[in-house]
C-alpha atoms as a PDB file:
ATOM      1  CA  GLN A   1     -90.266  61.480-290.837  1.00  0.00           C
ATOM      2  CA  VAL A   2     -93.536  63.365-291.192  1.00  0.00           C
ATOM      3  CA  GLN A   3     -94.358  65.764-293.999  1.00  0.00           C
ATOM      4  CA  LEU A   4     -96.843  68.571-293.559  1.00  0.00           C
ATOM      5  CA  VAL A   5     -98.678  69.806-296.627  1.00  0.00           C
ATOM      6  CA  GLU A   6    -100.278  73.244-296.340  1.00  0.00           C
ATOM      7  CA  SER A   7    -102.842  74.864-298.575  1.00  0.00           C
ATOM      8  CA  GLY A   8    -105.312  77.767-298.608  1.00  0.00           C
ATOM      9  CA  GLY A   9    -103.228  80.915-298.571  1.00  0.00           C
ATOM     10  CA  GLY A  10    -103.726  83.791-300.927  1.00  0.00           C
ATOM     11  CA  LEU A  11    -104.709  87.417-301.370  1.00  0.00           C
ATOM     12  CA  VAL A  12    -107.835  88.712-299.612  1.00  0.00           C
ATOM     13  CA  GLN A  13    -109.309  92.138-298.913  1.00  0.00           C
ATOM     14  CA  PRO A  14    -109.524  93.462-295.359  1.00  0.00           C
ATOM     15  CA  GLY A  15    -112.544  91.987-293.624  1.00  0.00           C
ATOM     16  CA  GLY A  16    -112.432  88.871-295.735  1.00  0.00           C
ATOM     17  CA  SER A  17    -111.861  85.264-294.827  1.00  0.00           C
ATOM     18  CA  LEU A  18    -109.479  82.422-295.675  1.00  0.00           C
ATOM     19  CA  ARG A  19    -109.166  78.857-294.533  1.00  0.00           C
ATOM     20  CA  LEU A  20    -105.775  77.206-294.195  1.00  0.00           C
ATOM     21  CA  SER A  21    -105.320  73.423-294.217  1.00  0.00           C
ATOM     22  CA  CYS A  22    -102.403  71.331-293.053  1.00  0.00           C
ATOM     23  CA  ALA A  23    -102.306  67.606-293.658  1.00  0.00           C
ATOM     24  CA  ALA A  24     -99.798  65.319-291.954  1.00  0.00           C
ATOM     25  CA  SER A  25     -98.392  62.406-293.894  1.00  0.00           C
ATOM     26  CA  ARG A  26     -98.027  60.061-290.909  1.00  0.00           C
ATOM     27  CA  SER A  27    -100.610  57.305-290.743  1.00  0.00           C
ATOM     28  CA  ARG A  28    -101.388  57.772-287.078  1.00  0.00           C
ATOM     29  CA  LEU A  29    -101.012  60.714-284.670  1.00  0.00           C
ATOM     30  CA  SER A  30    -101.398  59.830-281.011  1.00  0.00           C
ATOM     31  CA  ILE A  31    -100.025  62.467-278.663  1.00  0.00           C
ATOM     32  CA  TYR A  32     -99.381  65.710-280.444  1.00  0.00           C
ATOM     33  CA  VAL A  33     -99.684  69.441-280.661  1.00  0.00           C
ATOM     34  CA  MET A  34    -100.471  70.848-284.085  1.00  0.00           C
ATOM     35  CA  GLY A  35    -100.846  74.443-284.984  1.00  0.00           C
ATOM     36  CA  TRP A  36    -100.025  77.490-287.014  1.00  0.00           C
ATOM     37  CA  TYR A  37     -97.333  80.083-286.686  1.00  0.00           C
ATOM     38  CA  ARG A  38     -96.730  83.138-288.808  1.00  0.00           C
ATOM     39  CA  GLN A  39     -93.799  85.338-289.771  1.00  0.00           C
ATOM     40  CA  ALA A  40     -94.142  88.797-291.269  1.00  0.00           C
ATOM     41  CA  PRO A  41     -91.243  90.528-292.977  1.00  0.00           C
ATOM     42  CA  GLY A  42     -88.704  91.811-290.426  1.00  0.00           C
ATOM     43  CA  LYS A  43     -90.472  90.102-287.579  1.00  0.00           C
ATOM     44  CA  GLU A  44     -89.997  86.928-285.527  1.00  0.00           C
ATOM     45  CA  ARG A  45     -92.106  83.870-286.061  1.00  0.00           C
ATOM     46  CA  GLU A  46     -95.038  83.881-283.663  1.00  0.00           C
ATOM     47  CA  LEU A  47     -97.680  81.431-282.572  1.00  0.00           C
ATOM     48  CA  VAL A  48    -101.129  82.012-284.039  1.00  0.00           C
ATOM     49  CA  ALA A  49    -103.121  79.050-282.770  1.00  0.00           C
ATOM     50  CA  ARG A  50    -102.648  75.399-281.821  1.00  0.00           C
ATOM     51  CA  ILE A  51    -104.611  72.343-280.820  1.00  0.00           C
ATOM     52  CA  ASN A  52    -103.472  69.255-278.950  1.00  0.00           C
ATOM     53  CA  SER A  53    -104.494  65.644-279.128  1.00  0.00           C
ATOM     54  CA  GLY A  54    -106.910  66.194-276.256  1.00  0.00           C
ATOM     55  CA  GLY A  55    -108.704  68.962-278.156  1.00  0.00           C
ATOM     56  CA  SER A  56    -107.509  71.892-276.143  1.00  0.00           C
ATOM     57  CA  THR A  57    -106.760  75.040-278.078  1.00  0.00           C
ATOM     58  CA  ASN A  58    -104.981  78.293-277.516  1.00  0.00           C
ATOM     59  CA  TYR A  59    -104.685  81.425-279.555  1.00  0.00           C
ATOM     60  CA  ALA A  60    -102.568  84.547-279.810  1.00  0.00           C
ATOM     61  CA  ASP A  61    -104.394  87.507-278.282  1.00  0.00           C
ATOM     62  CA  SER A  62    -104.261  89.292-281.692  1.00  0.00           C
ATOM     63  CA  VAL A  63    -106.442  86.629-283.344  1.00  0.00           C
ATOM     64  CA  LYS A  64    -108.867  85.671-280.549  1.00  0.00           C
ATOM     65  CA  GLY A  65    -112.472  85.936-281.747  1.00  0.00           C
ATOM     66  CA  ARG A  66    -111.426  86.081-285.362  1.00  0.00           C
ATOM     67  CA  PHE A  67    -109.530  82.806-286.014  1.00  0.00           C
ATOM     68  CA  THR A  68    -110.633  79.258-285.225  1.00  0.00           C
ATOM     69  CA  ILE A  69    -108.414  76.202-285.256  1.00  0.00           C
ATOM     70  CA  SER A  70    -110.017  72.790-285.740  1.00  0.00           C
ATOM     71  CA  ARG A  71    -108.990  69.305-286.741  1.00  0.00           C
ATOM     72  CA  ASP A  72    -110.158  66.219-288.606  1.00  0.00           C
ATOM     73  CA  ASN A  73    -108.493  63.233-286.902  1.00  0.00           C
ATOM     74  CA  ALA A  74    -109.446  60.806-289.683  1.00  0.00           C
ATOM     75  CA  LYS A  75    -107.763  63.008-292.285  1.00  0.00           C
ATOM     76  CA  LYS A  76    -104.909  63.973-289.955  1.00  0.00           C
ATOM     77  CA  THR A  77    -105.586  67.519-290.955  1.00  0.00           C
ATOM     78  CA  VAL A  78    -105.737  70.791-289.017  1.00  0.00           C
ATOM     79  CA  TYR A  79    -107.601  73.809-290.258  1.00  0.00           C
ATOM     80  CA  LEU A  80    -107.307  77.501-289.441  1.00  0.00           C
ATOM     81  CA  GLN A  81    -110.416  79.510-290.307  1.00  0.00           C
ATOM     82  CA  MET A  82    -109.478  83.156-290.499  1.00  0.00           C
ATOM     83  CA  ASN A  83    -112.287  85.733-290.501  1.00  0.00           C
ATOM     84  CA  SER A  84    -112.267  89.530-290.306  1.00  0.00           C
ATOM     85  CA  LEU A  85    -108.774  89.587-291.722  1.00  0.00           C
ATOM     86  CA  LYS A  86    -106.643  92.703-291.186  1.00  0.00           C
ATOM     87  CA  PRO A  87    -103.611  93.973-293.068  1.00  0.00           C
ATOM     88  CA  GLU A  88    -101.504  93.159-290.024  1.00  0.00           C
ATOM     89  CA  ASP A  89    -102.374  89.487-290.516  1.00  0.00           C
ATOM     90  CA  THR A  90    -100.252  89.501-293.653  1.00  0.00           C
ATOM     91  CA  ALA A  91     -97.422  86.953-293.218  1.00  0.00           C
ATOM     92  CA  VAL A  92     -96.138  83.575-294.228  1.00  0.00           C
ATOM     93  CA  TYR A  93     -98.144  81.017-292.237  1.00  0.00           C
ATOM     94  CA  TYR A  94     -96.359  77.820-291.189  1.00  0.00           C
ATOM     95  CA  CYS A  95     -97.930  74.611-289.999  1.00  0.00           C
ATOM     96  CA  ASN A  96     -96.199  72.967-287.072  1.00  0.00           C
ATOM     97  CA  LEU A  97     -96.470  69.487-285.592  1.00  0.00           C
ATOM     98  CA  ASP A  98     -94.934  68.405-282.274  1.00  0.00           C
ATOM     99  CA  LEU A  99     -95.311  64.647-282.033  1.00  0.00           C
ATOM    100  CA  TYR A 100     -94.684  62.434-278.972  1.00  0.00           C
ATOM    101  CA  ASP A 101     -93.706  58.825-279.623  1.00  0.00           C
ATOM    102  CA  GLY A 102     -93.725  57.686-276.029  1.00  0.00           C
ATOM    103  CA  SER A 103     -90.224  58.811-275.105  1.00  0.00           C
ATOM    104  CA  THR A 104     -89.324  61.911-277.102  1.00  0.00           C
ATOM    105  CA  TRP A 105     -90.914  64.833-278.912  1.00  0.00           C
ATOM    106  CA  SER A 106     -90.218  65.422-282.584  1.00  0.00           C
ATOM    107  CA  HIS A 107     -90.859  68.708-284.340  1.00  0.00           C
ATOM    108  CA  TYR A 108     -91.975  69.278-287.910  1.00  0.00           C
ATOM    109  CA  TRP A 109     -92.671  72.316-290.044  1.00  0.00           C
ATOM    110  CA  GLY A 110     -94.557  72.873-293.260  1.00  0.00           C
ATOM    111  CA  GLN A 111     -93.134  74.832-296.172  1.00  0.00           C
ATOM    112  CA  GLY A 112     -95.264  77.886-295.442  1.00  0.00           C
ATOM    113  CA  THR A 113     -98.130  79.552-297.276  1.00  0.00           C
ATOM    114  CA  GLN A 114     -98.426  83.292-297.972  1.00  0.00           C
ATOM    115  CA  VAL A 115    -101.422  85.194-296.643  1.00  0.00           C
ATOM    116  CA  THR A 116    -101.777  88.759-297.901  1.00  0.00           C
ATOM    117  CA  VAL A 117    -104.507  91.078-296.704  1.00  0.00           C
ATOM    118  CA  SER A 118    -104.715  94.144-298.869  1.00  0.00           C
ATOM    119  CA  SER A 119    -107.202  96.252-300.717  1.00  0.00           C
END
C-alpha cells in the first residue's frame, strides 16, 4: 500500500501562485505515472497534469502555459507549480499515482487539498 501526502493548497487572489506537493510513502518508485487531478463542485474530476517515470509530461489545455509539473525522485515527490491562477481553477486537487510492479498497475489517490482563487 502506498500513501500520498499532499500539501500546499489554500486561498489565493486571481493572478497569484501556489505550489502543491505530493509525497509518496513507498521507498522506491520504478515505473509510474504521477499527477494531479481536480474536482470543482458539481463537476467531474479532471486531469490537470501528470508526469511519468521517463519524465514525459502532459497537461490539460486549460492550464498549459500556467501550470508546471515536476518531480524530485530522491524525495519521491511531485510538485505542481500553479501561476496566473484564475477563479475557474478553484477546486479540490487530488494527487494520483499509477504504479507498475512488473505485472499489474495499482492506483492510489491522495486525500485532496482545496485550492480557492478569489478576490
